[in-house]
Protein backbone atom coordinates (compact mmCIF):
# COMPACT_ATOMS: atom_id res chain seq x y z
CA MET A 1 10.76 -8.58 9.64
CA ALA A 2 10.47 -12.28 9.22
CA GLN A 3 6.97 -13.69 10.82
CA TRP A 4 8.72 -16.73 12.60
CA HIS A 5 6.62 -19.89 13.14
CA THR A 6 3.04 -17.89 12.15
CA ARG A 7 0.35 -19.77 10.75
CA THR A 8 -2.76 -17.58 9.96
CA ASP A 9 -5.76 -17.70 7.82
CA ALA A 10 -5.56 -14.26 7.11
CA VAL A 11 -5.07 -14.86 3.03
CA HIS A 12 -8.49 -16.95 3.32
CA TRP A 13 -10.31 -14.19 4.94
CA TYR A 14 -9.15 -11.61 2.55
CA LEU A 15 -9.82 -13.95 -0.54
CA GLN A 16 -13.43 -14.80 1.02
CA GLU A 17 -13.99 -11.18 1.09
CA LEU A 18 -13.03 -10.86 -2.58
CA SER A 19 -14.87 -13.50 -4.03
CA SER A 20 -18.02 -12.94 -2.08
CA ARG A 21 -18.07 -9.25 -3.78
CA VAL A 22 -17.60 -11.62 -7.37
CA VAL A 23 -20.49 -13.57 -6.66
CA ALA A 24 -22.77 -11.08 -5.49
CA LYS A 25 -22.42 -9.50 -8.98
CA SER A 26 -22.64 -12.43 -11.10
CA GLY A 27 -24.96 -14.95 -8.73
CA ILE A 28 -23.07 -17.55 -9.49
CA PRO A 29 -21.56 -19.52 -6.62
CA SER A 30 -18.77 -21.22 -8.31
CA ASP A 31 -17.78 -17.95 -9.21
CA ARG A 32 -15.75 -17.75 -6.13
CA HIS A 33 -12.96 -20.05 -8.03
CA HIS A 34 -13.04 -18.35 -11.09
CA LEU A 35 -9.83 -16.68 -11.63
CA GLY A 36 -10.73 -14.83 -14.41
CA LYS A 37 -13.38 -12.76 -12.70
CA LEU A 38 -11.53 -12.71 -9.38
CA THR A 39 -8.35 -10.93 -11.58
CA LEU A 40 -10.68 -8.77 -13.11
CA GLN A 41 -12.12 -7.30 -10.05
CA SER A 42 -8.67 -7.29 -8.24
CA PHE A 43 -7.41 -4.67 -11.56
CA LYS A 44 -10.78 -2.74 -10.69
CA ASP A 45 -10.23 -2.35 -7.03
CA ALA A 46 -6.74 -0.78 -7.02
CA PRO A 47 -6.02 0.90 -10.57
CA ASP A 48 -3.06 2.89 -9.24
CA PHE A 49 -1.00 -0.16 -7.92
CA VAL A 50 2.02 -1.26 -9.60
CA LEU A 51 2.10 -4.56 -10.79
CA GLN A 52 4.99 -5.54 -12.62
CA ILE A 53 8.24 -4.18 -13.12
CA ASP A 54 10.78 -5.32 -15.88
CA GLY A 55 14.30 -4.96 -13.81
CA ALA A 56 16.21 -4.91 -16.90
CA THR A 57 14.64 -2.02 -18.66
CA GLY A 58 13.24 0.14 -15.53
CA GLU A 59 9.64 -0.43 -17.14
CA SER A 60 6.81 -0.66 -14.44
CA GLU A 61 3.01 -1.02 -15.25
CA THR A 62 -0.19 -0.41 -13.19
CA PHE A 63 -3.27 -2.54 -12.56
CA SER A 64 -5.48 0.13 -14.93
CA SER A 65 -2.67 -0.38 -17.59
CA VAL A 66 -2.85 -4.20 -17.44
CA LEU A 67 -6.49 -4.12 -16.72
CA THR A 68 -6.98 -2.02 -20.27
CA ARG A 69 -4.42 -4.23 -22.40
CA SER A 70 -5.81 -7.49 -20.95
CA VAL A 71 -9.29 -6.68 -22.08
CA GLN A 72 -8.51 -5.52 -25.35
CA CYS A 73 -6.66 -8.82 -25.87
CA ALA A 74 -9.35 -10.76 -24.69
CA ILE A 75 -11.83 -8.81 -26.78
CA ALA A 76 -9.19 -9.79 -30.05
CA PHE A 77 -9.16 -13.36 -29.07
CA ARG A 78 -12.88 -13.37 -29.36
CA LYS A 79 -12.57 -11.87 -32.64
CA LEU A 80 -10.03 -14.22 -33.50
CA GLY A 81 -12.77 -17.02 -32.95
CA LEU A 82 -10.86 -18.45 -29.84
CA LYS A 83 -13.37 -20.06 -27.41
CA HIS A 84 -13.41 -21.45 -23.81
CA GLY A 85 -11.46 -24.74 -23.89
CA ASP A 86 -8.82 -23.48 -26.30
CA VAL A 87 -4.95 -23.16 -25.54
CA ILE A 88 -2.37 -20.49 -26.23
CA ALA A 89 1.10 -20.85 -25.19
CA LEU A 90 3.61 -18.09 -24.44
CA MET A 91 7.20 -18.31 -25.16
CA ALA A 92 9.38 -15.27 -24.23
CA PRO A 93 11.30 -13.70 -21.53
CA ASN A 94 9.45 -12.17 -18.40
CA HIS A 95 9.08 -8.74 -19.80
CA ILE A 96 5.74 -6.57 -19.10
CA HIS A 97 3.88 -7.71 -22.41
CA LEU A 98 4.07 -11.42 -21.14
CA THR A 99 1.18 -11.88 -18.61
CA ILE A 100 -1.31 -9.73 -20.72
CA PRO A 101 -2.28 -12.81 -22.53
CA MET A 102 -2.21 -15.06 -19.88
CA TYR A 103 -4.98 -12.90 -17.94
CA ALA A 104 -6.76 -12.09 -21.05
CA ALA A 105 -6.65 -16.18 -21.30
CA PHE A 106 -8.21 -16.46 -18.02
CA TYR A 107 -11.05 -14.24 -18.52
CA LEU A 108 -12.31 -16.43 -21.34
CA GLY A 109 -11.17 -19.97 -19.99
CA ILE A 110 -8.56 -20.41 -22.41
CA GLY A 111 -5.50 -22.69 -21.12
CA VAL A 112 -2.39 -20.92 -21.05
CA ALA A 113 0.86 -22.99 -21.94
CA GLY A 114 4.62 -21.77 -21.16
CA ILE A 115 6.95 -23.02 -23.62
CA ASP A 116 11.22 -22.59 -22.83
CA MET A 117 12.50 -20.07 -24.82
CA THR A 118 16.01 -22.17 -25.00
CA PHE A 119 14.13 -24.95 -26.86
CA LYS A 120 15.71 -26.37 -30.28
CA LYS A 121 13.01 -27.05 -33.08
CA ASP A 122 12.49 -30.86 -32.23
CA GLU A 123 11.41 -29.76 -28.50
CA ILE A 124 9.29 -27.07 -29.56
CA LEU A 125 7.45 -29.18 -32.16
CA GLU A 126 7.05 -32.06 -29.48
CA THR A 127 5.60 -29.34 -26.93
CA LEU A 128 3.22 -27.94 -29.34
CA ARG A 129 2.26 -31.41 -30.34
CA VAL A 130 1.14 -32.13 -26.70
CA ASN A 131 -0.52 -28.65 -25.81
CA ALA A 132 -1.88 -27.86 -29.68
CA PRO A 133 -2.29 -24.09 -28.91
CA LYS A 134 -4.12 -21.56 -31.39
CA ILE A 135 -2.01 -18.67 -30.80
CA VAL A 136 1.71 -18.96 -29.99
CA PHE A 137 3.15 -15.74 -28.45
CA CYS A 138 6.94 -15.60 -29.24
CA GLN A 139 10.07 -13.34 -29.90
CA THR A 140 10.69 -12.30 -33.49
CA GLU A 141 14.00 -14.65 -33.20
CA ARG A 142 12.03 -18.02 -32.77
CA VAL A 143 9.11 -17.21 -35.34
CA ASN A 144 11.03 -19.37 -37.92
CA ASP A 145 11.41 -22.68 -35.62
CA VAL A 146 8.05 -22.01 -34.41
CA ARG A 147 6.40 -21.84 -37.65
CA SER A 148 8.59 -24.50 -38.96
CA ALA A 149 7.25 -27.10 -36.16
CA LEU A 150 3.33 -25.93 -36.67
CA GLN A 151 4.09 -26.67 -40.47
CA GLU A 152 5.29 -30.16 -39.60
CA LEU A 153 2.49 -30.63 -37.47
CA GLN A 154 0.04 -29.28 -39.73
CA PHE A 155 -1.56 -27.15 -37.21
CA ASP A 156 -3.29 -23.96 -38.27
CA THR A 157 -1.76 -21.86 -35.50
CA GLN A 158 -1.24 -18.14 -35.57
CA VAL A 159 2.17 -17.02 -34.26
CA ILE A 160 2.00 -13.09 -32.71
CA THR A 161 5.36 -11.71 -31.59
CA PHE A 162 5.80 -9.66 -28.92
CA ASP A 163 7.96 -7.46 -30.03
CA LYS A 164 7.90 -5.90 -34.15
CA SER A 165 8.03 -8.08 -36.70
CA ASN A 166 8.04 -7.64 -40.62
CA GLU A 167 6.51 -11.15 -41.11
CA SER A 168 4.10 -11.51 -38.28
CA LEU A 169 1.24 -9.76 -36.68
CA SER A 170 2.74 -8.07 -33.16
CA PHE A 171 1.07 -7.82 -29.85
CA ALA A 172 0.85 -3.88 -30.13
CA GLU A 173 -0.79 -4.30 -33.61
CA LEU A 174 -3.39 -7.21 -32.34
CA LEU A 175 -4.22 -5.10 -29.45
CA ASP A 176 -4.58 -1.90 -31.83
CA LYS A 177 -6.66 -3.90 -34.60
CA TYR A 178 -9.06 -5.39 -32.61
CA GLY A 179 -9.21 -4.00 -29.30
CA SER A 180 -8.56 -0.34 -29.70
CA ASP A 181 -12.42 0.53 -29.48
CA VAL A 182 -13.19 -1.53 -26.52
CA SER A 183 -15.08 -0.16 -23.42
CA ILE A 184 -13.24 -1.55 -20.10
CA ASN A 185 -16.32 -1.18 -17.84
CA ASP A 186 -18.73 -2.73 -20.56
CA PHE A 187 -16.49 -6.06 -20.64
CA LYS A 188 -17.53 -9.17 -19.61
CA ALA A 189 -15.58 -12.24 -18.64
CA THR A 190 -17.03 -16.00 -20.20
CA GLU A 191 -19.22 -17.79 -17.83
CA PHE A 192 -18.13 -21.26 -17.31
CA ASP A 193 -17.49 -24.00 -14.61
CA PRO A 194 -14.08 -23.58 -12.79
CA ALA A 195 -14.02 -26.83 -11.62
CA HIS A 196 -13.62 -28.34 -15.31
CA THR A 197 -12.07 -25.72 -16.79
CA THR A 198 -8.29 -25.57 -17.48
CA LEU A 199 -6.45 -22.41 -16.39
CA LEU A 200 -2.56 -23.60 -16.78
CA LEU A 201 -0.71 -26.20 -18.55
CA ILE A 202 2.27 -26.89 -16.82
CA ALA A 203 5.54 -28.65 -18.45
CA THR A 204 6.82 -31.43 -16.60
CA SER A 205 8.86 -34.35 -17.94
CA GLY A 206 9.48 -36.01 -15.02
CA THR A 207 11.84 -38.75 -14.80
CA THR A 208 11.01 -40.25 -18.43
CA GLY A 209 12.08 -36.73 -20.42
CA LEU A 210 9.18 -36.90 -22.74
CA PRO A 211 7.17 -33.52 -22.59
CA LYS A 212 3.85 -33.68 -20.71
CA SER A 213 1.51 -30.63 -19.40
CA VAL A 214 -0.05 -30.69 -16.60
CA ALA A 215 -3.62 -29.52 -16.57
CA VAL A 216 -4.87 -27.46 -13.79
CA THR A 217 -8.24 -25.88 -13.37
CA HIS A 218 -9.29 -22.54 -11.83
CA LYS A 219 -10.81 -24.40 -8.89
CA ASN A 220 -7.36 -26.51 -8.35
CA ILE A 221 -5.23 -23.11 -8.44
CA ALA A 222 -7.96 -21.12 -6.50
CA ILE A 223 -8.35 -23.70 -3.40
CA SER A 224 -4.31 -24.34 -3.37
CA VAL A 225 -2.32 -21.21 -4.02
CA PRO A 226 -3.77 -19.39 -1.09
CA TYR A 227 -1.79 -22.21 1.43
CA MET A 228 1.32 -20.93 -0.43
CA TRP A 229 0.73 -17.40 1.86
CA ILE A 230 -0.41 -19.18 4.77
CA THR A 231 2.58 -17.69 6.63
CA PHE A 232 1.56 -13.79 5.75
CA LYS A 233 -1.19 -11.74 8.03
CA ASN A 234 -1.33 -8.93 6.21
CA PHE A 235 -3.93 -8.51 3.12
CA PRO A 236 -3.62 -7.37 0.83
CA THR A 237 -0.23 -6.74 -0.17
CA PRO A 238 1.46 -9.20 2.31
CA THR A 239 4.96 -8.52 1.52
CA ARG A 240 6.36 -5.14 -0.08
CA LEU A 241 8.12 -6.72 -3.50
CA SER A 242 8.44 -10.23 -4.88
CA VAL A 243 10.97 -11.39 -7.27
CA VAL A 244 10.60 -13.87 -10.35
CA PHE A 245 13.69 -15.79 -10.98
CA SER A 246 12.13 -18.55 -13.05
CA PRO A 247 10.66 -18.67 -16.31
CA ALA A 248 6.95 -18.58 -17.35
CA GLN A 249 7.02 -22.52 -17.90
CA TRP A 250 7.76 -23.28 -14.46
CA TYR A 251 5.47 -23.20 -11.72
CA SER A 252 7.55 -20.82 -9.08
CA ALA A 253 6.85 -18.08 -11.99
CA LEU A 254 3.16 -18.89 -12.67
CA PHE A 255 2.31 -19.05 -9.04
CA GLN A 256 3.39 -15.33 -8.70
CA PHE A 257 1.96 -14.49 -11.97
CA VAL A 258 -1.40 -15.69 -10.73
CA SER A 259 -1.20 -14.72 -7.52
CA SER A 260 -0.02 -11.15 -7.87
CA PRO A 261 -3.05 -9.25 -9.23
CA ILE A 262 -5.26 -11.15 -6.81
CA ILE A 263 -3.32 -10.22 -3.72
CA ARG A 264 -2.33 -6.95 -4.79
CA GLN A 265 1.35 -7.74 -5.04
CA THR A 266 3.74 -5.48 -7.16
CA ARG A 267 6.44 -7.93 -8.71
CA LEU A 268 9.86 -7.46 -10.01
CA GLN A 269 10.95 -9.58 -13.27
CA SER A 270 13.22 -9.14 -16.18
CA SER A 271 13.55 -9.55 -19.57
CA ALA A 272 16.96 -10.14 -19.76
CA PRO A 273 18.44 -13.65 -19.15
CA MET A 274 18.48 -14.56 -15.47
CA THR A 275 22.31 -14.99 -14.76
CA ARG A 276 23.67 -15.08 -11.28
CA ASP A 277 25.15 -11.86 -11.77
CA HIS A 278 21.81 -10.08 -13.03
CA ALA A 279 20.03 -11.44 -10.17
CA TYR A 280 22.67 -9.87 -8.07
CA TYR A 281 21.75 -6.46 -9.95
CA LEU A 282 18.25 -6.85 -9.43
CA ILE A 283 18.17 -7.87 -5.73
CA ASN A 284 20.78 -5.16 -4.83
CA LYS A 285 18.77 -2.27 -6.89
CA TYR A 286 15.21 -3.08 -6.24
CA ARG A 287 15.71 -4.71 -2.57
CA PRO A 288 12.97 -7.75 -2.78
CA THR A 289 11.25 -9.04 -0.05
CA PHE A 290 9.93 -12.06 -1.22
CA THR A 291 10.66 -15.06 -3.77
CA PHE A 292 10.07 -18.63 -4.70
CA THR A 293 12.96 -20.38 -6.02
CA SER A 294 14.54 -23.97 -6.24
CA PRO A 295 17.58 -25.08 -4.28
CA SER A 296 19.69 -25.11 -7.40
CA THR A 297 18.83 -21.83 -8.14
CA LEU A 298 19.54 -20.55 -4.52
CA ALA A 299 22.74 -22.47 -4.05
CA SER A 300 24.07 -20.74 -7.24
CA PHE A 301 23.56 -17.33 -5.86
CA LEU A 302 24.97 -18.49 -2.61
CA LYS A 303 28.35 -19.76 -3.95
CA ILE A 304 31.53 -19.41 -1.79
CA GLY A 305 33.40 -16.37 -3.55
CA ASP A 306 30.23 -14.97 -5.01
CA ARG A 307 27.88 -14.15 -2.83
CA ASP A 308 29.83 -11.43 -1.22
CA LYS A 309 28.52 -9.47 -4.48
CA CYS A 310 24.94 -9.33 -3.25
CA ASP A 311 22.99 -8.29 -0.19
CA PHE A 312 20.63 -10.56 0.95
CA THR A 313 19.19 -8.90 3.69
CA SER A 314 16.28 -7.13 2.26
CA PHE A 315 14.72 -10.74 1.59
CA GLU A 316 11.98 -11.59 4.23
CA THR A 317 10.85 -14.74 3.20
CA TYR A 318 12.30 -17.38 0.70
CA LEU A 319 9.82 -20.43 -0.37
CA ILE A 320 12.34 -23.01 -1.72
CA GLY A 321 10.87 -25.93 -3.66
CA GLY A 322 11.19 -28.31 -6.32
CA SER A 323 13.61 -30.63 -5.22
CA ALA A 324 15.32 -32.02 -1.88
CA VAL A 325 17.31 -29.11 -0.14
CA ASN A 326 20.34 -29.98 1.71
CA PRO A 327 20.72 -28.50 5.32
CA ARG A 328 24.11 -27.02 4.24
CA LEU A 329 21.97 -24.46 2.02
CA LEU A 330 20.00 -23.36 4.95
CA GLU A 331 23.13 -22.87 6.69
CA ASP A 332 24.65 -20.69 3.81
CA MET A 333 21.48 -18.59 3.88
CA LYS A 334 21.84 -18.03 7.29
CA VAL A 335 25.44 -16.29 7.14
CA VAL A 336 24.39 -14.08 4.17
CA SER A 337 20.76 -13.17 5.87
CA PRO A 338 20.25 -13.94 9.26
CA ASN A 339 16.94 -12.72 9.56
CA THR A 340 15.13 -14.17 6.36
CA GLN A 341 12.57 -16.82 6.99
CA ALA A 342 13.41 -19.75 4.76
CA ILE A 343 10.13 -22.22 4.31
CA ILE A 344 10.94 -25.53 2.48
CA ILE A 345 7.90 -26.20 0.32
CA TYR A 346 7.22 -29.89 -0.96
CA GLY A 347 4.49 -29.70 -3.45
CA MET A 348 4.09 -30.86 -7.17
CA SER A 349 2.28 -29.16 -10.26
CA GLU A 350 0.08 -32.25 -10.18
CA MET A 351 -1.11 -31.30 -6.91
CA SER A 352 -1.81 -27.25 -7.98
CA GLY A 353 0.43 -26.39 -4.77
CA ILE A 354 1.70 -27.79 -1.55
CA ALA A 355 1.02 -30.79 0.55
CA PHE A 356 2.38 -29.91 4.19
CA SER A 357 2.88 -26.93 6.73
CA PHE A 358 6.61 -26.63 6.79
CA ASP A 359 8.05 -26.12 10.57
CA GLU A 360 11.27 -24.09 10.77
CA THR A 361 12.20 -25.62 13.96
CA GLU A 362 12.75 -28.83 12.51
CA PRO A 363 14.30 -28.01 8.89
CA THR A 364 15.05 -31.82 8.00
CA SER A 365 11.19 -32.42 8.03
CA LEU A 366 8.30 -31.60 5.42
CA GLY A 367 6.36 -30.58 7.98
CA ARG A 368 2.57 -32.14 8.64
CA PRO A 369 0.10 -32.70 6.31
CA LEU A 370 -1.74 -29.37 5.05
CA GLN A 371 -5.62 -29.60 5.90
CA SER A 372 -6.46 -28.96 2.37
CA MET A 373 -5.45 -32.64 1.37
CA GLU A 374 -5.78 -36.21 2.54
CA HIS A 375 -2.54 -38.13 2.79
CA LYS A 376 -1.57 -41.49 3.11
CA LEU A 377 1.72 -43.72 2.44
CA VAL A 378 1.35 -46.96 0.34
CA ASN A 379 4.05 -50.06 -0.02
CA PRO A 380 4.43 -49.32 -4.13
CA GLU A 381 4.91 -53.11 -4.79
CA THR A 382 1.68 -54.38 -2.44
CA LEU A 383 -0.14 -51.01 -2.53
CA LYS A 384 -1.21 -51.59 0.80
CA ASP A 385 -0.97 -48.76 3.25
CA VAL A 386 1.68 -47.98 5.32
CA THR A 387 0.80 -46.98 8.89
CA GLU A 388 3.57 -47.57 11.28
CA PRO A 389 5.46 -44.70 11.73
CA ASN A 390 8.92 -44.57 10.32
CA VAL A 391 8.45 -46.78 7.66
CA PRO A 392 9.04 -45.61 4.04
CA GLY A 393 6.48 -45.79 1.77
CA GLU A 394 5.11 -43.68 -1.45
CA LEU A 395 2.99 -40.43 -1.04
CA TRP A 396 -0.55 -40.54 -2.01
CA VAL A 397 -2.73 -37.72 -1.77
CA LYS A 398 -6.23 -36.72 -2.63
CA GLY A 399 -8.16 -33.34 -2.71
CA PRO A 400 -9.42 -29.98 -4.68
CA GLY A 401 -5.93 -29.54 -5.73
CA VAL A 402 -5.26 -32.50 -7.61
CA PHE A 403 -5.23 -32.02 -11.04
CA LYS A 404 -7.33 -32.87 -13.88
CA CYS A 405 -5.14 -34.53 -16.09
CA TYR A 406 -1.90 -34.92 -18.42
CA TYR A 407 -3.31 -32.65 -21.24
CA ASN A 408 -4.21 -35.03 -24.48
CA ASN A 409 -2.20 -38.05 -22.80
CA PRO A 410 -4.69 -39.97 -21.14
CA GLU A 411 -2.16 -43.15 -20.45
CA THR A 412 -0.29 -41.40 -18.58
CA THR A 413 -2.63 -40.00 -16.71
CA ALA A 414 -3.78 -43.67 -15.85
CA GLU A 415 -0.51 -43.96 -14.41
CA VAL A 416 -0.59 -41.44 -11.56
CA LEU A 417 -4.75 -40.84 -10.72
CA MET A 418 -5.71 -44.09 -9.08
CA GLU A 419 -9.58 -44.90 -8.05
CA GLY A 420 -10.57 -42.80 -5.77
CA GLY A 421 -9.17 -39.18 -7.04
CA TRP A 422 -5.81 -40.33 -5.24
CA LEU A 423 -2.78 -38.86 -6.86
CA ARG A 424 0.37 -41.33 -6.80
CA THR A 425 3.30 -38.78 -6.28
CA GLY A 426 6.13 -40.97 -6.68
CA ASP A 427 8.20 -39.98 -3.97
CA ILE A 428 9.16 -42.01 -1.09
CA MET A 429 8.74 -40.53 2.59
CA TYR A 430 8.01 -41.70 6.47
CA ARG A 431 6.06 -39.91 8.97
CA ASP A 432 7.42 -39.99 12.49
CA GLU A 433 5.33 -40.67 15.77
CA LYS A 434 4.17 -36.67 15.40
CA SER A 435 3.09 -37.32 11.97
CA LYS A 436 5.78 -35.33 10.52
CA PHE A 437 6.77 -36.39 7.23
CA TYR A 438 10.35 -37.05 5.83
CA PHE A 439 11.65 -37.19 2.22
CA VAL A 440 13.93 -40.02 1.26
CA ASP A 441 14.08 -39.87 -2.55
CA ARG A 442 11.85 -40.50 -5.85
CA LEU A 443 10.84 -43.96 -6.44
CA LYS A 444 12.36 -44.00 -9.80
CA LEU A 445 15.32 -42.67 -8.58
CA LEU A 446 16.00 -45.58 -5.92
CA LEU A 447 18.93 -47.65 -6.34
CA PHE A 448 18.82 -51.44 -5.41
CA TYR A 449 22.41 -53.18 -4.43
CA ARG A 450 21.83 -56.75 -3.63
CA SER A 451 18.89 -56.68 -1.50
CA ASN A 452 19.17 -53.42 -0.20
CA GLN A 453 17.63 -50.15 -1.06
CA ILE A 454 19.55 -47.05 -1.43
CA SER A 455 18.59 -43.35 -1.56
CA PRO A 456 21.12 -41.44 -4.10
CA LEU A 457 20.06 -38.41 -1.82
CA GLU A 458 21.37 -40.05 1.48
CA ILE A 459 24.97 -40.38 -0.01
CA GLU A 460 24.87 -36.71 -1.82
CA ASN A 461 23.75 -35.09 1.83
CA VAL A 462 26.69 -36.84 3.36
CA LEU A 463 29.26 -35.85 0.42
CA LEU A 464 27.78 -31.86 0.81
CA ARG A 465 29.35 -32.12 4.30
CA HIS A 466 32.74 -32.15 2.52
CA PRO A 467 33.61 -28.05 2.74
CA GLY A 468 35.06 -28.26 -0.64
CA VAL A 469 32.10 -29.71 -2.53
CA TYR A 470 30.30 -27.40 -4.16
CA GLN A 471 27.46 -29.99 -6.05
CA VAL A 472 26.93 -33.30 -6.24
CA ALA A 473 24.77 -36.04 -7.64
CA VAL A 474 24.63 -40.09 -7.15
CA THR A 475 23.42 -42.20 -9.73
CA GLY A 476 24.14 -46.32 -10.44
CA ILE A 477 25.71 -48.42 -13.11
CA ARG A 478 24.02 -51.82 -13.86
CA ASP A 479 25.86 -54.82 -12.51
CA GLU A 480 24.83 -58.13 -13.55
CA ASN A 481 25.60 -60.29 -10.31
CA ASP A 482 24.94 -57.12 -7.45
CA GLY A 483 22.37 -54.71 -9.02
CA ASP A 484 23.11 -51.02 -8.81
CA LEU A 485 26.86 -49.77 -8.03
CA PRO A 486 26.56 -46.07 -6.56
CA VAL A 487 28.55 -43.50 -8.98
CA ALA A 488 29.30 -39.88 -7.15
CA PHE A 489 29.07 -37.15 -9.80
CA VAL A 490 31.24 -33.93 -7.51
CA VAL A 491 31.90 -30.34 -8.73
CA PRO A 492 34.22 -28.91 -6.55
CA HIS A 493 34.18 -25.26 -5.26
CA GLU A 494 36.90 -23.25 -7.13
CA GLY A 495 40.34 -23.69 -5.13
CA TYR A 496 39.70 -26.75 -3.52
CA ASN A 497 41.52 -29.78 -4.98
CA ILE A 498 39.37 -32.82 -4.06
CA THR A 499 40.64 -36.72 -4.47
CA ALA A 500 38.46 -39.68 -5.29
CA GLN A 501 39.90 -40.78 -2.10
CA GLU A 502 38.29 -38.27 -0.14
CA ILE A 503 34.91 -38.59 -1.41
CA LYS A 504 35.06 -42.25 -0.78
CA ASP A 505 36.33 -41.98 2.88
CA LEU A 506 33.48 -39.60 3.63
CA VAL A 507 31.10 -42.20 2.22
CA LYS A 508 32.86 -44.84 4.33
CA ASP A 509 32.85 -43.14 7.70
CA SER A 510 29.17 -41.92 7.42
CA LEU A 511 27.26 -45.03 5.98
CA SER A 512 27.08 -48.82 5.59
CA ASP A 513 28.82 -51.00 3.03
CA SER A 514 25.85 -51.28 0.58
CA LYS A 515 25.75 -47.66 0.14
CA GLN A 516 29.70 -47.27 -0.49
CA LEU A 517 30.71 -45.76 -4.20
CA LYS A 518 31.22 -49.13 -5.88
CA GLY A 519 30.65 -47.42 -8.95
CA GLY A 520 33.47 -45.01 -8.59
CA VAL A 521 33.64 -41.04 -8.85
CA ILE A 522 33.80 -38.58 -11.44
CA PHE A 523 35.01 -35.09 -11.29
CA LEU A 524 32.69 -32.32 -13.55
CA ASN A 525 32.79 -28.41 -13.58
CA GLU A 526 29.14 -28.47 -13.80
CA LEU A 527 26.46 -31.13 -13.18
CA PRO A 528 23.95 -31.53 -16.42
CA MET A 529 20.58 -29.67 -15.78
CA THR A 530 16.98 -30.07 -16.90
CA SER A 531 15.15 -26.86 -18.41
CA THR A 532 13.36 -26.87 -14.70
CA SER A 533 16.46 -26.19 -13.17
CA LYS A 534 16.99 -29.84 -11.59
CA ILE A 535 19.53 -32.54 -12.07
CA ASP A 536 19.29 -34.05 -15.31
CA ARG A 537 19.72 -37.69 -14.24
CA LYS A 538 19.28 -39.19 -17.82
CA LYS A 539 22.26 -37.28 -18.94
CA LEU A 540 24.04 -38.63 -15.75
CA ASN A 541 23.42 -42.33 -16.26
CA ALA A 542 24.92 -42.40 -19.94
CA MET A 543 28.03 -40.04 -18.57
CA ALA A 544 28.64 -42.84 -15.78
CA LEU A 545 28.77 -45.27 -18.47
CA SER A 546 30.88 -43.20 -20.70
CA MET A 547 33.12 -41.35 -18.68
CA LYS A 548 36.31 -42.21 -16.86
CA ARG A 549 35.69 -43.13 -13.01
CA GLU A 550 38.24 -43.05 -10.40
CA TYR A 551 38.47 -46.09 -8.00
CA ILE A 552 40.37 -46.70 -4.87
């Protein structure tokens, strides 16, 4: 059953017991945040527990097997000369081999970067330039592109394939060559300071489109991630089966990869492409109880006409985050799975987790500030604190979850990390009289028409009330005299014939004159998306200028 409205410290009690045993063995107090040692201990605590299932192949693997292979991999890393502070990159589907080098890296204080499998050569090159890995793990079909990029960068980086290759050392060969004579009981993780050791390099492009890597430390994640589990009261194994819909470069996948060994959580993933039909197959066959996914992914699952193919009722809890959640999505969820708890989370890779405690009774709010961070709203122009209720400002946060830096990018780091350790989120919000926070929009996405500030999200939420609208995105085209003229991109549900007049009338009946669609309406079959399943605003802006717009 879903655990409605509960908040508990159970996850912290459990982790305190686990970390106390780790510290008792080492005598090093900071080891309570050493995720390599916590992961090692967790694997040893429950050797027969199933960690992962590949839903595409039916393969599964226990803690004992993952422990053996990850220790072998760590020994191989040491023999290859990798050391604390180095980086490895993973560019592969979510098969059962993917996280083995990840856990090995955690033991040794090596950072882990995920790379989008669909990237073209130039995108691979720019990502490798930023992360500078010592080893890239990938599939055979991507070896040539990876090697070509590395050659152009003049990096002395080894390429290892997860599958068998005639041209590269395979992962199985790596373990056999360097780790076959390993004693698991004798293996010791590297000693390092978790507060200053990078755990993950999380891919982000923000609104610029340029690749950046958010460097989060062991301590960042060890403190922040438990708050993702504060609605659960039974530890270990708070829920029977989680499912990973996201690729390895997304926080929503990394969160589950990091936490599943430590909280003793079986996770379902797949080496096959995560199409909607494949997701339906996984849900229907394995009956998962938990997932963390984006609103756009969930909306595609719940699309009218398709969602009847899947039984969603096994889910106890959805975590939904990554972009704004329209209330209609929650209504659709209630139709297909009325007893599932939906928790909307606001967070960023740069804060290693979430910032608010969501209240299901008020789903339009993000909730109240989480106690793990300090929060304030700031006028982005004057940089003065906004203390009045219901007045928008940029959210700034401060605390032990705030990231270390953008890796190898001090200039961009300086733009968001302020004096005193405050992180500028770039998100405009307001708080009400009860200290509940409400999302307005991304600061960089706000439109300015004459002297008026316009939130594209506000217009999008109005248009999503139309029963025939499946997806919508609003951007602006520049007018020399008036500023930004709002343009609506509309994707209709199949079978609906929507006119531009209907769209404009809906906005006219709901919003003030400054927010009218003076830039027109454009109908599309699908919205352009980024590799992180967010609307590609850069492409939309170009399309608004080049495509035919319907005016009334």
